[in-house]
Amino acid sequence: MAYALGMGLPFIAFAAGLGWLTRAIAVIRRHGGWVTRLGGLLLVAVGIALVTGSWTEFVNWLRATVGPGQIGI
């Protein structure tokens, strides 16, 4: 029974969130131009942060605030 639940629950969760997912994709497609512009702006901002060295400061602040994180393998 636990095996069947473990195999079936991801599919049920996906089906339950499918409506939300399709609405989110529709919003992104409708505003695709703005999404592209925002992505480009973020790429330029990260590039400038990398060149000036403020990216390292941001990452250090983020690690101090959130924690270093771990990859569980």
N, C-alpha and C. Protein backbone atom coordinates (compact mmCIF):
# COMPACT_ATOMS: atom_id res chain seq x y z
N MET A 1 0.82 -1.19 0.00
CA MET A 1 0.00 0.00 0.00
C MET A 1 0.88 1.26 0.00
N ALA A 2 1.92 1.28 0.83
CA ALA A 2 2.81 2.44 0.88
C ALA A 2 3.51 2.62 -0.46
N TYR A 3 3.89 1.52 -1.08
CA TYR A 3 4.54 1.60 -2.39
C TYR A 3 3.60 2.24 -3.41
N ALA A 4 2.36 1.81 -3.40
CA ALA A 4 1.38 2.35 -4.36
C ALA A 4 1.14 3.84 -4.10
N LEU A 5 1.08 4.24 -2.83
CA LEU A 5 0.91 5.66 -2.52
C LEU A 5 2.13 6.45 -2.96
N GLY A 6 3.30 5.91 -2.71
CA GLY A 6 4.53 6.60 -3.10
C GLY A 6 4.64 6.76 -4.60
N MET A 7 4.13 5.79 -5.33
CA MET A 7 4.17 5.88 -6.79
C MET A 7 3.06 6.79 -7.33
N GLY A 8 1.92 6.81 -6.66
CA GLY A 8 0.78 7.55 -7.19
C GLY A 8 0.70 9.00 -6.75
N LEU A 9 1.21 9.34 -5.57
CA LEU A 9 1.08 10.70 -5.06
C LEU A 9 1.73 11.76 -5.94
N PRO A 10 2.89 11.53 -6.52
CA PRO A 10 3.44 12.57 -7.42
C PRO A 10 2.52 12.87 -8.62
N PHE A 11 1.88 11.85 -9.15
CA PHE A 11 0.97 12.06 -10.27
C PHE A 11 -0.27 12.82 -9.83
N ILE A 12 -0.77 12.51 -8.65
CA ILE A 12 -1.94 13.22 -8.12
C ILE A 12 -1.58 14.68 -7.84
N ALA A 13 -0.40 14.92 -7.27
CA ALA A 13 0.04 16.29 -7.00
C ALA A 13 0.20 17.07 -8.30
N PHE A 14 0.76 16.43 -9.31
CA PHE A 14 0.92 17.10 -10.59
C PHE A 14 -0.43 17.45 -11.19
N ALA A 15 -1.36 16.53 -11.13
CA ALA A 15 -2.70 16.78 -11.67
C ALA A 15 -3.40 17.90 -10.91
N ALA A 16 -3.21 17.95 -9.59
CA ALA A 16 -3.84 18.99 -8.79
C ALA A 16 -3.27 20.36 -9.12
N GLY A 17 -1.98 20.43 -9.45
CA GLY A 17 -1.36 21.71 -9.76
C GLY A 17 -1.36 22.07 -11.23
N LEU A 18 -1.93 21.22 -12.05
CA LEU A 18 -1.90 21.46 -13.50
C LEU A 18 -2.66 22.71 -13.89
N GLY A 19 -3.79 22.98 -13.26
CA GLY A 19 -4.56 24.18 -13.57
C GLY A 19 -3.77 25.45 -13.26
N TRP A 20 -3.12 25.46 -12.11
CA TRP A 20 -2.30 26.61 -11.72
C TRP A 20 -1.15 26.77 -12.69
N LEU A 21 -0.54 25.66 -13.07
CA LEU A 21 0.61 25.70 -13.98
C LEU A 21 0.21 26.25 -15.35
N THR A 22 -0.91 25.84 -15.87
CA THR A 22 -1.34 26.33 -17.19
C THR A 22 -1.68 27.82 -17.13
N ARG A 23 -2.25 28.28 -16.01
CA ARG A 23 -2.52 29.72 -15.88
C ARG A 23 -1.23 30.51 -15.78
N ALA A 24 -0.25 29.98 -15.05
CA ALA A 24 1.04 30.67 -14.92
C ALA A 24 1.74 30.75 -16.27
N ILE A 25 1.71 29.68 -17.04
CA ILE A 25 2.34 29.69 -18.37
C ILE A 25 1.62 30.66 -19.29
N ALA A 26 0.29 30.75 -19.18
CA ALA A 26 -0.46 31.68 -20.01
C ALA A 26 -0.07 33.13 -19.70
N VAL A 27 0.11 33.43 -18.43
CA VAL A 27 0.52 34.79 -18.04
C VAL A 27 1.91 35.09 -18.59
N ILE A 28 2.82 34.14 -18.50
CA ILE A 28 4.17 34.34 -19.00
C ILE A 28 4.15 34.53 -20.52
N ARG A 29 3.35 33.76 -21.21
CA ARG A 29 3.27 33.91 -22.67
C ARG A 29 2.66 35.24 -23.06
N ARG A 30 1.64 35.66 -22.31
CA ARG A 30 0.97 36.92 -22.63
C ARG A 30 1.91 38.10 -22.44
N HIS A 31 2.77 38.00 -21.44
CA HIS A 31 3.71 39.09 -21.14
C HIS A 31 5.14 38.70 -21.52
N GLY A 32 5.27 37.94 -22.59
CA GLY A 32 6.57 37.42 -22.99
C GLY A 32 7.61 38.49 -23.27
N GLY A 33 7.19 39.60 -23.86
CA GLY A 33 8.13 40.68 -24.13
C GLY A 33 8.73 41.25 -22.85
N TRP A 34 7.88 41.46 -21.86
CA TRP A 34 8.37 41.99 -20.59
C TRP A 34 9.23 40.97 -19.85
N VAL A 35 8.88 39.70 -19.96
CA VAL A 35 9.68 38.65 -19.33
C VAL A 35 11.07 38.62 -19.95
N THR A 36 11.15 38.76 -21.27
CA THR A 36 12.44 38.78 -21.96
C THR A 36 13.26 39.99 -21.56
N ARG A 37 12.61 41.15 -21.49
CA ARG A 37 13.32 42.37 -21.09
C ARG A 37 13.84 42.26 -19.66
N LEU A 38 13.02 41.74 -18.78
CA LEU A 38 13.43 41.57 -17.38
C LEU A 38 14.59 40.60 -17.27
N GLY A 39 14.55 39.51 -18.01
CA GLY A 39 15.65 38.55 -18.01
C GLY A 39 16.94 39.18 -18.52
N GLY A 40 16.84 39.97 -19.58
CA GLY A 40 18.02 40.65 -20.11
C GLY A 40 18.57 41.66 -19.12
N LEU A 41 17.69 42.39 -18.46
CA LEU A 41 18.12 43.35 -17.45
C LEU A 41 18.83 42.66 -16.29
N LEU A 42 18.30 41.52 -15.86
CA LEU A 42 18.94 40.78 -14.78
C LEU A 42 20.31 40.24 -15.22
N LEU A 43 20.43 39.80 -16.46
CA LEU A 43 21.73 39.34 -16.95
C LEU A 43 22.76 40.46 -16.96
N VAL A 44 22.35 41.64 -17.38
CA VAL A 44 23.26 42.79 -17.39
C VAL A 44 23.63 43.15 -15.96
N ALA A 45 22.66 43.14 -15.04
CA ALA A 45 22.93 43.49 -13.65
C ALA A 45 23.91 42.50 -13.02
N VAL A 46 23.73 41.21 -13.28
CA VAL A 46 24.65 40.21 -12.73
C VAL A 46 26.03 40.37 -13.35
N GLY A 47 26.10 40.66 -14.63
CA GLY A 47 27.39 40.90 -15.28
C GLY A 47 28.13 42.08 -14.67
N ILE A 48 27.42 43.17 -14.43
CA ILE A 48 28.04 44.33 -13.80
C ILE A 48 28.47 43.99 -12.38
N ALA A 49 27.64 43.24 -11.66
CA ALA A 49 28.00 42.85 -10.30
C ALA A 49 29.24 41.96 -10.29
N LEU A 50 29.36 41.09 -11.28
CA LEU A 50 30.55 40.23 -11.37
C LEU A 50 31.81 41.05 -11.66
N VAL A 51 31.70 42.01 -12.56
CA VAL A 51 32.85 42.82 -12.94
C VAL A 51 33.30 43.71 -11.78
N THR A 52 32.36 44.28 -11.03
CA THR A 52 32.71 45.20 -9.94
C THR A 52 33.08 44.47 -8.65
N GLY A 53 32.77 43.18 -8.56
CA GLY A 53 33.08 42.43 -7.34
C GLY A 53 31.97 42.43 -6.32
N SER A 54 30.88 43.13 -6.59
CA SER A 54 29.78 43.16 -5.62
C SER A 54 29.00 41.84 -5.60
N TRP A 55 29.17 41.02 -6.63
CA TRP A 55 28.51 39.71 -6.63
C TRP A 55 29.04 38.84 -5.49
N THR A 56 30.35 38.89 -5.26
CA THR A 56 30.96 38.13 -4.18
C THR A 56 30.43 38.61 -2.83
N GLU A 57 30.31 39.92 -2.67
CA GLU A 57 29.76 40.47 -1.43
C GLU A 57 28.32 40.01 -1.23
N PHE A 58 27.53 39.99 -2.30
CA PHE A 58 26.15 39.55 -2.21
C PHE A 58 26.07 38.08 -1.82
N VAL A 59 26.91 37.25 -2.43
CA VAL A 59 26.90 35.82 -2.12
C VAL A 59 27.33 35.59 -0.68
N ASN A 60 28.33 36.33 -0.21
CA ASN A 60 28.75 36.20 1.18
C ASN A 60 27.64 36.62 2.14
N TRP A 61 26.95 37.71 1.82
CA TRP A 61 25.82 38.14 2.65
C TRP A 61 24.72 37.07 2.65
N LEU A 62 24.45 36.51 1.47
CA LEU A 62 23.42 35.49 1.35
C LEU A 62 23.77 34.25 2.17
N ARG A 63 25.02 33.83 2.13
CA ARG A 63 25.45 32.68 2.92
C ARG A 63 25.33 32.96 4.40
N ALA A 64 25.66 34.18 4.83
CA ALA A 64 25.55 34.53 6.25
C ALA A 64 24.10 34.61 6.68
N THR A 65 23.22 35.01 5.80
CA THR A 65 21.81 35.17 6.15
C THR A 65 21.06 33.84 6.08
N VAL A 66 21.23 33.12 4.99
CA VAL A 66 20.47 31.89 4.77
C VAL A 66 21.22 30.67 5.25
N GLY A 67 22.50 30.66 5.11
CA GLY A 67 23.31 29.51 5.46
C GLY A 67 23.99 28.99 4.21
N PRO A 68 25.03 28.20 4.39
CA PRO A 68 25.79 27.75 3.22
C PRO A 68 25.04 26.72 2.38
N GLY A 69 24.10 26.03 2.96
CA GLY A 69 23.37 25.02 2.21
C GLY A 69 24.18 23.75 2.07
N GLN A 70 23.50 22.67 1.83
CA GLN A 70 24.15 21.39 1.65
C GLN A 70 23.47 20.63 0.53
N ILE A 71 24.24 19.85 -0.16
CA ILE A 71 23.69 18.99 -1.19
C ILE A 71 23.61 17.59 -0.60
N GLY A 72 22.41 17.11 -0.42
CA GLY A 72 22.23 15.78 0.16
C GLY A 72 22.27 14.71 -0.91
N ILE A 73 23.34 13.99 -0.93
CA ILE A 73 23.48 12.90 -1.90
C ILE A 73 23.55 11.59 -1.14
